[in-house]
C-alpha atoms as a PDB file:
ATOM      1  CA  UNK A   1      -9.661  19.720  30.524  1.00  0.00           C
ATOM      2  CA  UNK A   2      -8.672  15.854  29.836  1.00  0.00           C
ATOM      3  CA  UNK A   3      -5.696  14.562  28.371  1.00  0.00           C
ATOM      4  CA  UNK A   4      -5.677  14.552  24.747  1.00  0.00           C
ATOM      5  CA  UNK A   5      -4.516  13.046  22.433  1.00  0.00           C
ATOM      6  CA  UNK A   6      -4.461  15.181  18.626  1.00  0.00           C
ATOM      7  CA  UNK A   7      -2.384  13.435  15.665  1.00  0.00           C
ATOM      8  CA  UNK A   8      -2.217  15.963  12.409  1.00  0.00           C
ATOM      9  CA  UNK A   9      -1.907  14.361   8.890  1.00  0.00           C
ATOM     10  CA  UNK A  10       0.534  16.228   6.645  1.00  0.00           C
ATOM     11  CA  UNK A  11      -2.681  16.866   4.054  1.00  0.00           C
ATOM     12  CA  UNK A  12      -5.887  18.461   3.549  1.00  0.00           C
ATOM     13  CA  UNK A  13      -9.076  17.829   4.624  1.00  0.00           C
ATOM     14  CA  UNK A  14     -11.658  16.730   1.732  1.00  0.00           C
ATOM     15  CA  UNK A  15     -12.903  14.048  -0.597  1.00  0.00           C
ATOM     16  CA  UNK A  16     -11.066  15.547  -3.355  1.00  0.00           C
ATOM     17  CA  UNK A  17      -7.809  15.803  -1.504  1.00  0.00           C
ATOM     18  CA  UNK A  18      -8.004  12.641   0.133  1.00  0.00           C
ATOM     19  CA  UNK A  19      -8.908  10.885  -3.922  1.00  0.00           C
ATOM     20  CA  UNK A  20      -5.259  13.030  -4.709  1.00  0.00           C
ATOM     21  CA  UNK A  21      -3.954  11.481  -1.863  1.00  0.00           C
ATOM     22  CA  UNK A  22      -4.244   7.845  -2.376  1.00  0.00           C
ATOM     23  CA  UNK A  23      -2.850   8.208  -5.930  1.00  0.00           C
ATOM     24  CA  UNK A  24      -0.441   9.911  -4.799  1.00  0.00           C
ATOM     25  CA  UNK A  25       0.487   7.114  -2.370  1.00  0.00           C
ATOM     26  CA  UNK A  26      -0.045   4.602  -4.927  1.00  0.00           C
ATOM     27  CA  UNK A  27       1.760   5.980  -7.705  1.00  0.00           C
ATOM     28  CA  UNK A  28       4.781   7.747  -6.566  1.00  0.00           C
ATOM     29  CA  UNK A  29       4.742   6.844  -2.294  1.00  0.00           C
ATOM     30  CA  UNK A  30       8.417   8.088  -1.766  1.00  0.00           C
ATOM     31  CA  UNK A  31       7.351  11.560  -2.467  1.00  0.00           C
ATOM     32  CA  UNK A  32       4.029  11.377  -0.306  1.00  0.00           C
ATOM     33  CA  UNK A  33       4.349  14.093   1.964  1.00  0.00           C
ATOM     34  CA  UNK A  34       2.375  12.296   4.979  1.00  0.00           C
ATOM     35  CA  UNK A  35       4.087   9.592   6.647  1.00  0.00           C
ATOM     36  CA  UNK A  36       0.865   9.387   9.139  1.00  0.00           C
ATOM     37  CA  UNK A  37      -1.716   8.530   6.275  1.00  0.00           C
ATOM     38  CA  UNK A  38       0.576   6.325   4.347  1.00  0.00           C
ATOM     39  CA  UNK A  39       0.956   4.529   7.390  1.00  0.00           C
ATOM     40  CA  UNK A  40      -2.656   4.122   8.806  1.00  0.00           C
ATOM     41  CA  UNK A  41      -4.187   4.589   5.519  1.00  0.00           C
ATOM     42  CA  UNK A  42      -4.789   2.145   2.380  1.00  0.00           C
ATOM     43  CA  UNK A  43      -8.362   2.881   0.754  1.00  0.00           C
ATOM     44  CA  UNK A  44      -9.527   3.136   4.330  1.00  0.00           C
ATOM     45  CA  UNK A  45      -8.282   2.974   7.506  1.00  0.00           C
ATOM     46  CA  UNK A  46      -5.930   0.143   8.681  1.00  0.00           C
ATOM     47  CA  UNK A  47      -7.951  -2.336  10.282  1.00  0.00           C
ATOM     48  CA  UNK A  48      -4.747  -3.527  12.749  1.00  0.00           C
ATOM     49  CA  UNK A  49      -4.457   1.021  13.393  1.00  0.00           C
ATOM     50  CA  UNK A  50      -8.617   0.979  14.002  1.00  0.00           C
ATOM     51  CA  UNK A  51      -8.410  -1.743  16.747  1.00  0.00           C
ATOM     52  CA  UNK A  52      -5.491  -0.121  18.101  1.00  0.00           C
ATOM     53  CA  UNK A  53      -7.268   3.103  18.562  1.00  0.00           C
ATOM     54  CA  UNK A  54      -9.650   1.566  20.530  1.00  0.00           C
ATOM     55  CA  UNK A  55      -7.511   0.187  22.722  1.00  0.00           C
ATOM     56  CA  UNK A  56      -5.607   3.164  24.090  1.00  0.00           C
ATOM     57  CA  UNK A  57      -6.693   4.643  27.169  1.00  0.00           C
ATOM     58  CA  UNK A  58      -6.945   8.152  25.814  1.00  0.00           C
ATOM     59  CA  UNK A  59      -9.359   8.789  22.650  1.00  0.00           C
ATOM     60  CA  UNK A  60      -7.318  10.285  19.845  1.00  0.00           C
ATOM     61  CA  UNK A  61      -8.437  13.132  17.693  1.00  0.00           C
ATOM     62  CA  UNK A  62      -7.309  13.577  14.324  1.00  0.00           C
ATOM     63  CA  UNK A  63      -6.941  16.442  12.034  1.00  0.00           C
ATOM     64  CA  UNK A  64      -5.445  17.544   8.904  1.00  0.00           C
ATOM     65  CA  UNK A  65      -3.665  20.577   8.208  1.00  0.00           C
ATOM     66  CA  UNK A  66      -5.823  22.935   7.187  1.00  0.00           C
ATOM     67  CA  UNK A  67      -8.288  22.877  10.175  1.00  0.00           C
ATOM     68  CA  UNK A  68      -4.881  23.240  12.738  1.00  0.00           C
ATOM     69  CA  UNK A  69      -4.616  26.815  12.281  1.00  0.00           C
ATOM     70  CA  UNK A  70      -8.480  27.502  13.329  1.00  0.00           C
ATOM     71  CA  UNK A  71      -8.894  25.035  15.862  1.00  0.00           C
ATOM     72  CA  UNK A  72      -5.469  24.879  17.373  1.00  0.00           C
ATOM     73  CA  UNK A  73      -3.618  28.364  16.195  1.00  0.00           C
ATOM     74  CA  UNK A  74      -0.875  27.545  19.074  1.00  0.00           C
ATOM     75  CA  UNK A  75       0.252  24.270  16.902  1.00  0.00           C
ATOM     76  CA  UNK A  76      -0.271  25.734  13.444  1.00  0.00           C
ATOM     77  CA  UNK A  77       3.645  26.340  12.759  1.00  0.00           C
ATOM     78  CA  UNK A  78       4.510  22.809  14.085  1.00  0.00           C
ATOM     79  CA  UNK A  79       5.689  20.627  11.039  1.00  0.00           C
ATOM     80  CA  UNK A  80       3.899  18.353   9.928  1.00  0.00           C
ATOM     81  CA  UNK A  81       2.696  15.327  10.333  1.00  0.00           C
ATOM     82  CA  UNK A  82       3.130  14.889  14.216  1.00  0.00           C
ATOM     83  CA  UNK A  83       1.423  14.246  17.212  1.00  0.00           C
ATOM     84  CA  UNK A  84       0.694  16.257  20.135  1.00  0.00           C
ATOM     85  CA  UNK A  85      -0.225  15.513  23.802  1.00  0.00           C
ATOM     86  CA  UNK A  86      -1.887  17.910  26.171  1.00  0.00           C
ATOM     87  CA  UNK A  87      -2.398  16.791  29.685  1.00  0.00           C
ATOM     88  CA  UNK A  88      -5.130  17.653  32.338  1.00  0.00           C
ATOM     89  CA  UNK A  89      -4.776  21.364  32.792  1.00  0.00           C
ATOM     90  CA  UNK A  90      -1.423  21.460  30.915  1.00  0.00           C
ATOM     91  CA  UNK A  91      -0.368  22.790  27.110  1.00  0.00           C
ATOM     92  CA  UNK A  92       0.519  20.552  24.132  1.00  0.00           C
ATOM     93  CA  UNK A  93       3.379  19.007  23.970  1.00  0.00           C
ATOM     94  CA  UNK A  94       5.459  17.674  21.168  1.00  0.00           C
ATOM     95  CA  UNK A  95       4.086  13.210  21.033  1.00  0.00           C
ATOM     96  CA  UNK A  96       5.686  11.859  17.794  1.00  0.00           C
ATOM     97  CA  UNK A  97       7.567  13.824  15.466  1.00  0.00           C
ATOM     98  CA  UNK A  98       7.793  13.888  11.699  1.00  0.00           C
ATOM     99  CA  UNK A  99      11.328  12.617  11.618  1.00  0.00           C
ATOM    100  CA  UNK A 100       9.892   9.103  13.992  1.00  0.00           C
ATOM    101  CA  UNK A 101       6.990   8.902  11.860  1.00  0.00           C
ATOM    102  CA  UNK A 102       8.954   9.117   8.530  1.00  0.00           C
ATOM    103  CA  UNK A 103      11.345   6.599  10.202  1.00  0.00           C
ATOM    104  CA  UNK A 104       9.087   4.055  11.264  1.00  0.00           C
ATOM    105  CA  UNK A 105       6.529   1.227   9.964  1.00  0.00           C
ATOM    106  CA  UNK A 106       2.600   0.515  11.510  1.00  0.00           C
ATOM    107  CA  UNK A 107       3.998  -2.174  14.352  1.00  0.00           C
ATOM    108  CA  UNK A 108       6.652   0.808  15.370  1.00  0.00           C
ATOM    109  CA  UNK A 109       3.728   3.376  15.080  1.00  0.00           C
ATOM    110  CA  UNK A 110       1.699   1.559  17.222  1.00  0.00           C
ATOM    111  CA  UNK A 111       5.329   0.452  19.790  1.00  0.00           C
ATOM    112  CA  UNK A 112       6.034   4.388  20.068  1.00  0.00           C
ATOM    113  CA  UNK A 113       2.432   5.615  21.157  1.00  0.00           C
ATOM    114  CA  UNK A 114       2.184   2.777  23.909  1.00  0.00           C
ATOM    115  CA  UNK A 115       5.698   3.139  25.273  1.00  0.00           C
ATOM    116  CA  UNK A 116       4.684   7.551  24.820  1.00  0.00           C
ATOM    117  CA  UNK A 117       1.886   7.173  26.369  1.00  0.00           C
ATOM    118  CA  UNK A 118       3.252   4.971  29.323  1.00  0.00           C
ATOM    119  CA  UNK A 119       6.111   7.659  29.891  1.00  0.00           C
ATOM    120  CA  UNK A 120       3.518  10.192  30.690  1.00  0.00           C
ATOM    121  CA  UNK A 121       1.345   8.359  32.993  1.00  0.00           C
ATOM    122  CA  UNK A 122      -1.316   6.954  30.677  1.00  0.00           C
ATOM    123  CA  UNK A 123      -1.053   3.465  30.959  1.00  0.00           C
ATOM    124  CA  UNK A 124      -2.099   0.968  27.932  1.00  0.00           C
ATOM    125  CA  UNK A 125      -2.738  -2.591  28.467  1.00  0.00           C
ATOM    126  CA  UNK A 126      -0.074  -4.005  25.615  1.00  0.00           C
ATOM    127  CA  UNK A 127      -0.598  -7.507  26.230  1.00  0.00           C
ATOM    128  CA  UNK A 128      -4.078  -6.999  24.826  1.00  0.00           C
ATOM    129  CA  UNK A 129      -2.843  -4.804  22.468  1.00  0.00           C
ATOM    130  CA  UNK A 130      -0.615  -7.170  21.623  1.00  0.00           C
ATOM    131  CA  UNK A 131      -2.654 -10.347  21.034  1.00  0.00           C
ATOM    132  CA  UNK A 132      -4.526  -8.978  18.968  1.00  0.00           C
ATOM    133  CA  UNK A 133      -2.358  -7.788  16.336  1.00  0.00           C
END
């Protein structure tokens, strides 16, 4: 089993939910429950985030909270938003906590991901990443 980096939004899937989330983020950002969504999306995915994800040494996967119990029931009780890492042959490990996501901005999030992947032995090309930002 290859390494997997899983980001889980604290929001439900579907077009209707996406529209409601966009309105909530816009009208009342302080009460919006998904800091991962707020950091990485406006109407569309932030271009800097999209470029960053393409440069990672591991392919990230994204799920919404309503998809998590079906796809990864072992993670269904975890607080969200969050990210989890599963190394080859291993179990899911916390990668980014809701508290960390609530206390950062997009450049900080990208730095955290680079740092954590490096610590996990999954080096990133940070020089190339920083050049493109």
